């Protein structure tokens, strides 16, 4: 699942984001969503979130839980 719809992303979810500094390379960073920063219902580059680690980036993929 990609991260372009705000309704698909909830606090506590594990996601892959691209940090601003990594946009050119496309390097992904995995983490858990602390809060959602994008106010609009969708964003074509991905919803901007803050991870629990404090890193901020746009969601590229939602990681499925292994349960």
PDB file of N, CA and C in Angstrom:
ATOM      1  N   UNK A   1       0.854  -1.168   0.000  1.00  0.00           N
ATOM      2  CA  UNK A   1       0.000   0.000   0.000  1.00  0.00           C
ATOM      3  C   UNK A   1       0.905   1.238   0.000  1.00  0.00           C
ATOM      4  N   UNK A   2       0.601   2.175  -0.876  1.00  0.00           N
ATOM      5  CA  UNK A   2       1.417   3.393  -0.908  1.00  0.00           C
ATOM      6  C   UNK A   2       0.889   4.393   0.119  1.00  0.00           C
ATOM      7  N   UNK A   3       1.598   5.466   0.301  1.00  0.00           N
ATOM      8  CA  UNK A   3       1.266   6.407   1.369  1.00  0.00           C
ATOM      9  C   UNK A   3       0.699   7.722   0.900  1.00  0.00           C
ATOM     10  N   UNK A   4      -0.158   7.695  -0.133  1.00  0.00           N
ATOM     11  CA  UNK A   4      -0.686   8.952  -0.668  1.00  0.00           C
ATOM     12  C   UNK A   4      -2.022   9.364  -0.060  1.00  0.00           C
ATOM     13  N   UNK A   5      -2.698   8.469   0.678  1.00  0.00           N
ATOM     14  CA  UNK A   5      -3.986   8.795   1.302  1.00  0.00           C
ATOM     15  C   UNK A   5      -3.820   8.911   2.811  1.00  0.00           C
ATOM     16  N   UNK A   6      -4.220  10.050   3.335  1.00  0.00           N
ATOM     17  CA  UNK A   6      -4.093  10.308   4.774  1.00  0.00           C
ATOM     18  C   UNK A   6      -4.903   9.303   5.598  1.00  0.00           C
ATOM     19  N   UNK A   7      -6.057   8.899   5.096  1.00  0.00           N
ATOM     20  CA  UNK A   7      -6.939   7.982   5.828  1.00  0.00           C
ATOM     21  C   UNK A   7      -6.298   6.606   6.038  1.00  0.00           C
ATOM     22  N   UNK A   8      -5.318   6.240   5.199  1.00  0.00           N
ATOM     23  CA  UNK A   8      -4.664   4.932   5.306  1.00  0.00           C
ATOM     24  C   UNK A   8      -3.567   4.903   6.366  1.00  0.00           C
ATOM     25  N   UNK A   9      -3.182   6.065   6.869  1.00  0.00           N
ATOM     26  CA  UNK A   9      -2.041   6.159   7.781  1.00  0.00           C
ATOM     27  C   UNK A   9      -2.525   6.545   9.176  1.00  0.00           C
ATOM     28  N   UNK A  10      -2.086   5.783  10.158  1.00  0.00           N
ATOM     29  CA  UNK A  10      -2.468   6.025  11.554  1.00  0.00           C
ATOM     30  C   UNK A  10      -1.210   6.072  12.420  1.00  0.00           C
ATOM     31  N   UNK A  11      -1.294   6.773  13.512  1.00  0.00           N
ATOM     32  CA  UNK A  11      -0.200   6.809  14.475  1.00  0.00           C
ATOM     33  C   UNK A  11       0.063   5.389  14.980  1.00  0.00           C
ATOM     34  N   UNK A  12       1.335   5.016  15.069  1.00  0.00           N
ATOM     35  CA  UNK A  12       1.704   3.676  15.528  1.00  0.00           C
ATOM     36  C   UNK A  12       1.965   2.687  14.413  1.00  0.00           C
ATOM     37  N   UNK A  13       1.669   3.061  13.169  1.00  0.00           N
ATOM     38  CA  UNK A  13       1.911   2.164  12.027  1.00  0.00           C
ATOM     39  C   UNK A  13       3.386   2.167  11.651  1.00  0.00           C
ATOM     40  N   UNK A  14       3.867   1.034  11.150  1.00  0.00           N
ATOM     41  CA  UNK A  14       5.234   0.940  10.635  1.00  0.00           C
ATOM     42  C   UNK A  14       5.200   1.311   9.158  1.00  0.00           C
ATOM     43  N   UNK A  15       6.053   2.258   8.767  1.00  0.00           N
ATOM     44  CA  UNK A  15       6.061   2.764   7.391  1.00  0.00           C
ATOM     45  C   UNK A  15       7.490   2.932   6.882  1.00  0.00           C
ATOM     46  N   UNK A  16       7.605   3.075   5.573  1.00  0.00           N
ATOM     47  CA  UNK A  16       8.861   3.450   4.927  1.00  0.00           C
ATOM     48  C   UNK A  16       8.685   4.864   4.408  1.00  0.00           C
ATOM     49  N   UNK A  17       9.593   5.759   4.799  1.00  0.00           N
ATOM     50  CA  UNK A  17       9.506   7.149   4.348  1.00  0.00           C
ATOM     51  C   UNK A  17      10.774   7.518   3.581  1.00  0.00           C
ATOM     52  N   UNK A  18      10.666   8.568   2.791  1.00  0.00           N
ATOM     53  CA  UNK A  18      11.852   9.159   2.171  1.00  0.00           C
ATOM     54  C   UNK A  18      12.071  10.512   2.843  1.00  0.00           C
ATOM     55  N   UNK A  19      13.259  10.684   3.400  1.00  0.00           N
ATOM     56  CA  UNK A  19      13.624  11.943   4.043  1.00  0.00           C
ATOM     57  C   UNK A  19      13.919  12.987   2.978  1.00  0.00           C
ATOM     58  N   UNK A  20      13.802  14.257   3.318  1.00  0.00           N
ATOM     59  CA  UNK A  20      14.070  15.349   2.380  1.00  0.00           C
ATOM     60  C   UNK A  20      15.469  15.210   1.765  1.00  0.00           C
ATOM     61  N   UNK A  21      16.461  14.901   2.589  1.00  0.00           N
ATOM     62  CA  UNK A  21      17.842  14.788   2.101  1.00  0.00           C
ATOM     63  C   UNK A  21      18.036  13.581   1.182  1.00  0.00           C
ATOM     64  N   UNK A  22      17.131  12.602   1.243  1.00  0.00           N
ATOM     65  CA  UNK A  22      17.254  11.383   0.442  1.00  0.00           C
ATOM     66  C   UNK A  22      16.327  11.365  -0.765  1.00  0.00           C
ATOM     67  N   UNK A  23      15.653  12.477  -1.062  1.00  0.00           N
ATOM     68  CA  UNK A  23      14.691  12.478  -2.165  1.00  0.00           C
ATOM     69  C   UNK A  23      15.348  12.157  -3.502  1.00  0.00           C
ATOM     70  N   UNK A  24      16.548  12.663  -3.741  1.00  0.00           N
ATOM     71  CA  UNK A  24      17.226  12.398  -5.016  1.00  0.00           C
ATOM     72  C   UNK A  24      17.630  10.932  -5.149  1.00  0.00           C
ATOM     73  N   UNK A  25      18.148  10.350  -4.072  1.00  0.00           N
ATOM     74  CA  UNK A  25      18.608   8.958  -4.122  1.00  0.00           C
ATOM     75  C   UNK A  25      17.451   7.972  -3.967  1.00  0.00           C
ATOM     76  N   UNK A  26      16.367   8.398  -3.306  1.00  0.00           N
ATOM     77  CA  UNK A  26      15.227   7.510  -3.087  1.00  0.00           C
ATOM     78  C   UNK A  26      15.423   6.551  -1.923  1.00  0.00           C
ATOM     79  N   UNK A  27      16.466   6.765  -1.116  1.00  0.00           N
ATOM     80  CA  UNK A  27      16.730   5.902   0.038  1.00  0.00           C
ATOM     81  C   UNK A  27      15.563   5.974   1.017  1.00  0.00           C
ATOM     82  N   UNK A  28      15.106   4.808   1.466  1.00  0.00           N
ATOM     83  CA  UNK A  28      13.961   4.740   2.371  1.00  0.00           C
ATOM     84  C   UNK A  28      14.416   4.524   3.805  1.00  0.00           C
ATOM     85  N   UNK A  29      13.661   5.086   4.729  1.00  0.00           N
ATOM     86  CA  UNK A  29      13.910   4.953   6.159  1.00  0.00           C
ATOM     87  C   UNK A  29      12.674   4.328   6.787  1.00  0.00           C
ATOM     88  N   UNK A  30      12.872   3.262   7.563  1.00  0.00           N
ATOM     89  CA  UNK A  30      11.740   2.590   8.208  1.00  0.00           C
ATOM     90  C   UNK A  30      11.553   3.131   9.615  1.00  0.00           C
ATOM     91  N   UNK A  31      10.298   3.244  10.025  1.00  0.00           N
ATOM     92  CA  UNK A  31      10.012   3.709  11.371  1.00  0.00           C
ATOM     93  C   UNK A  31       8.538   3.627  11.693  1.00  0.00           C
ATOM     94  N   UNK A  32       8.197   4.066  12.884  1.00  0.00           N
ATOM     95  CA  UNK A  32       6.816   4.033  13.365  1.00  0.00           C
ATOM     96  C   UNK A  32       6.290   5.462  13.419  1.00  0.00           C
ATOM     97  N   UNK A  33       5.091   5.669  12.874  1.00  0.00           N
ATOM     98  CA  UNK A  33       4.490   7.001  12.800  1.00  0.00           C
ATOM     99  C   UNK A  33       4.173   7.517  14.201  1.00  0.00           C
ATOM    100  N   UNK A  34       4.672   8.708  14.492  1.00  0.00           N
ATOM    101  CA  UNK A  34       4.330   9.385  15.742  1.00  0.00           C
ATOM    102  C   UNK A  34       3.132  10.300  15.508  1.00  0.00           C
ATOM    103  N   UNK A  35       3.231  11.161  14.470  1.00  0.00           N
ATOM    104  CA  UNK A  35       2.078  11.986  14.104  1.00  0.00           C
ATOM    105  C   UNK A  35       2.126  12.343  12.626  1.00  0.00           C
ATOM    106  N   UNK A  36       0.959  12.699  12.100  1.00  0.00           N
ATOM    107  CA  UNK A  36       0.788  13.023  10.686  1.00  0.00           C
ATOM    108  C   UNK A  36       0.860  14.537  10.537  1.00  0.00           C
ATOM    109  N   UNK A  37       1.683  15.004   9.604  1.00  0.00           N
ATOM    110  CA  UNK A  37       1.892  16.440   9.430  1.00  0.00           C
ATOM    111  C   UNK A  37       1.110  17.019   8.258  1.00  0.00           C
ATOM    112  N   UNK A  38       0.742  16.197   7.276  1.00  0.00           N
ATOM    113  CA  UNK A  38      -0.031  16.677   6.127  1.00  0.00           C
ATOM    114  C   UNK A  38      -1.493  16.822   6.529  1.00  0.00           C
ATOM    115  N   UNK A  39      -2.090  17.977   6.222  1.00  0.00           N
ATOM    116  CA  UNK A  39      -3.492  18.219   6.567  1.00  0.00           C
ATOM    117  C   UNK A  39      -4.458  17.778   5.476  1.00  0.00           C
ATOM    118  N   UNK A  40      -4.028  17.784   4.222  1.00  0.00           N
ATOM    119  CA  UNK A  40      -4.934  17.439   3.117  1.00  0.00           C
ATOM    120  C   UNK A  40      -5.219  15.933   3.113  1.00  0.00           C
ATOM    121  N   UNK A  41      -6.361  15.507   2.550  1.00  0.00           N
ATOM    122  CA  UNK A  41      -6.734  14.089   2.562  1.00  0.00           C
ATOM    123  C   UNK A  41      -5.818  13.204   1.721  1.00  0.00           C
ATOM    124  N   UNK A  42      -5.129  13.790   0.731  1.00  0.00           N
ATOM    125  CA  UNK A  42      -4.160  13.016  -0.044  1.00  0.00           C
ATOM    126  C   UNK A  42      -3.072  13.941  -0.575  1.00  0.00           C
ATOM    127  N   UNK A  43      -1.950  13.333  -0.932  1.00  0.00           N
ATOM    128  CA  UNK A  43      -0.819  14.096  -1.475  1.00  0.00           C
ATOM    129  C   UNK A  43      -0.076  13.176  -2.429  1.00  0.00           C
ATOM    130  N   UNK A  44       0.143  13.640  -3.654  1.00  0.00           N
ATOM    131  CA  UNK A  44       0.702  12.766  -4.692  1.00  0.00           C
ATOM    132  C   UNK A  44       2.141  12.331  -4.421  1.00  0.00           C
ATOM    133  N   UNK A  45       2.902  13.048  -3.605  1.00  0.00           N
ATOM    134  CA  UNK A  45       4.269  12.624  -3.261  1.00  0.00           C
ATOM    135  C   UNK A  45       4.317  11.783  -1.992  1.00  0.00           C
ATOM    136  N   UNK A  46       3.201  11.683  -1.280  1.00  0.00           N
ATOM    137  CA  UNK A  46       3.154  10.930  -0.033  1.00  0.00           C
ATOM    138  C   UNK A  46       2.819  11.837   1.137  1.00  0.00           C
ATOM    139  N   UNK A  47       2.131  11.283   2.106  1.00  0.00           N
ATOM    140  CA  UNK A  47       1.730  12.023   3.300  1.00  0.00           C
ATOM    141  C   UNK A  47       2.960  12.254   4.180  1.00  0.00           C
ATOM    142  N   UNK A  48       3.140  13.482   4.634  1.00  0.00           N
ATOM    143  CA  UNK A  48       4.295  13.814   5.475  1.00  0.00           C
ATOM    144  C   UNK A  48       3.993  13.421   6.916  1.00  0.00           C
ATOM    145  N   UNK A  49       4.939  12.693   7.527  1.00  0.00           N
ATOM    146  CA  UNK A  49       4.779  12.226   8.906  1.00  0.00           C
ATOM    147  C   UNK A  49       6.056  12.472   9.703  1.00  0.00           C
ATOM    148  N   UNK A  50       5.902  12.465  11.021  1.00  0.00           N
ATOM    149  CA  UNK A  50       7.047  12.469  11.929  1.00  0.00           C
ATOM    150  C   UNK A  50       7.101  11.088  12.565  1.00  0.00           C
ATOM    151  N   UNK A  51       8.258  10.458  12.495  1.00  0.00           N
ATOM    152  CA  UNK A  51       8.438   9.149  13.115  1.00  0.00           C
ATOM    153  C   UNK A  51       8.737   9.313  14.601  1.00  0.00           C
ATOM    154  N   UNK A  52       8.626   8.226  15.345  1.00  0.00           N
ATOM    155  CA  UNK A  52       8.940   8.268  16.781  1.00  0.00           C
ATOM    156  C   UNK A  52      10.393   8.652  17.021  1.00  0.00           C
ATOM    157  N   UNK A  53      11.249   8.389  16.032  1.00  0.00           N
ATOM    158  CA  UNK A  53      12.669   8.753  16.137  1.00  0.00           C
ATOM    159  C   UNK A  53      12.890  10.248  15.929  1.00  0.00           C
ATOM    160  N   UNK A  54      11.840  10.977  15.500  1.00  0.00           N
ATOM    161  CA  UNK A  54      11.943  12.408  15.261  1.00  0.00           C
ATOM    162  C   UNK A  54      12.177  12.767  13.807  1.00  0.00           C
ATOM    163  N   UNK A  55      12.462  11.773  12.967  1.00  0.00           N
ATOM    164  CA  UNK A  55      12.700  12.033  11.550  1.00  0.00           C
ATOM    165  C   UNK A  55      11.390  12.375  10.851  1.00  0.00           C
ATOM    166  N   UNK A  56      11.471  13.288   9.868  1.00  0.00           N
ATOM    167  CA  UNK A  56      10.294  13.728   9.124  1.00  0.00           C
ATOM    168  C   UNK A  56      10.496  13.409   7.654  1.00  0.00           C
ATOM    169  N   UNK A  57       9.468  12.831   7.035  1.00  0.00           N
ATOM    170  CA  UNK A  57       9.542  12.520   5.613  1.00  0.00           C
ATOM    171  C   UNK A  57       8.179  12.135   5.080  1.00  0.00           C
ATOM    172  N   UNK A  58       8.156  11.809   3.790  1.00  0.00           N
ATOM    173  CA  UNK A  58       6.906  11.436   3.130  1.00  0.00           C
ATOM    174  C   UNK A  58       6.797   9.917   3.021  1.00  0.00           C
ATOM    175  N   UNK A  59       5.621   9.393   3.355  1.00  0.00           N
ATOM    176  CA  UNK A  59       5.391   7.947   3.342  1.00  0.00           C
ATOM    177  C   UNK A  59       5.418   7.437   1.907  1.00  0.00           C
ATOM    178  N   UNK A  60       6.252   6.437   1.670  1.00  0.00           N
ATOM    179  CA  UNK A  60       6.330   5.788   0.369  1.00  0.00           C
ATOM    180  C   UNK A  60       5.606   4.449   0.377  1.00  0.00           C
ATOM    181  N   UNK A  61       5.625   3.788   1.539  1.00  0.00           N
ATOM    182  CA  UNK A  61       4.996   2.474   1.641  1.00  0.00           C
ATOM    183  C   UNK A  61       4.608   2.203   3.087  1.00  0.00           C
ATOM    184  N   UNK A  62       3.471   1.547   3.245  1.00  0.00           N
ATOM    185  CA  UNK A  62       3.027   1.107   4.563  1.00  0.00           C
ATOM    186  C   UNK A  62       3.455  -0.345   4.704  1.00  0.00           C
ATOM    187  N   UNK A  63       4.200  -0.648   5.768  1.00  0.00           N
ATOM    188  CA  UNK A  63       4.716  -1.997   5.986  1.00  0.00           C
ATOM    189  C   UNK A  63       3.621  -2.842   6.620  1.00  0.00           C
ATOM    190  N   UNK A  64       3.331  -3.970   6.000  1.00  0.00           N
ATOM    191  CA  UNK A  64       2.320  -4.891   6.535  1.00  0.00           C
ATOM    192  C   UNK A  64       2.866  -5.570   7.779  1.00  0.00           C
ATOM    193  N   UNK A  65       2.022  -5.719   8.794  1.00  0.00           N
ATOM    194  CA  UNK A  65       2.449  -6.429   9.998  1.00  0.00           C
ATOM    195  C   UNK A  65       2.502  -7.920   9.698  1.00  0.00           C
ATOM    196  N   UNK A  66       3.337  -8.647  10.439  1.00  0.00           N
ATOM    197  CA  UNK A  66       3.546 -10.076  10.177  1.00  0.00           C
ATOM    198  C   UNK A  66       2.663 -10.950  11.053  1.00  0.00           C
ATOM    199  N   UNK A  67       1.538 -10.425  11.499  1.00  0.00           N
ATOM    200  CA  UNK A  67       0.636 -11.171  12.387  1.00  0.00           C
ATOM    201  C   UNK A  67      -0.277 -12.062  11.601  1.00  0.00           C
TER     202      UNK A  67
END
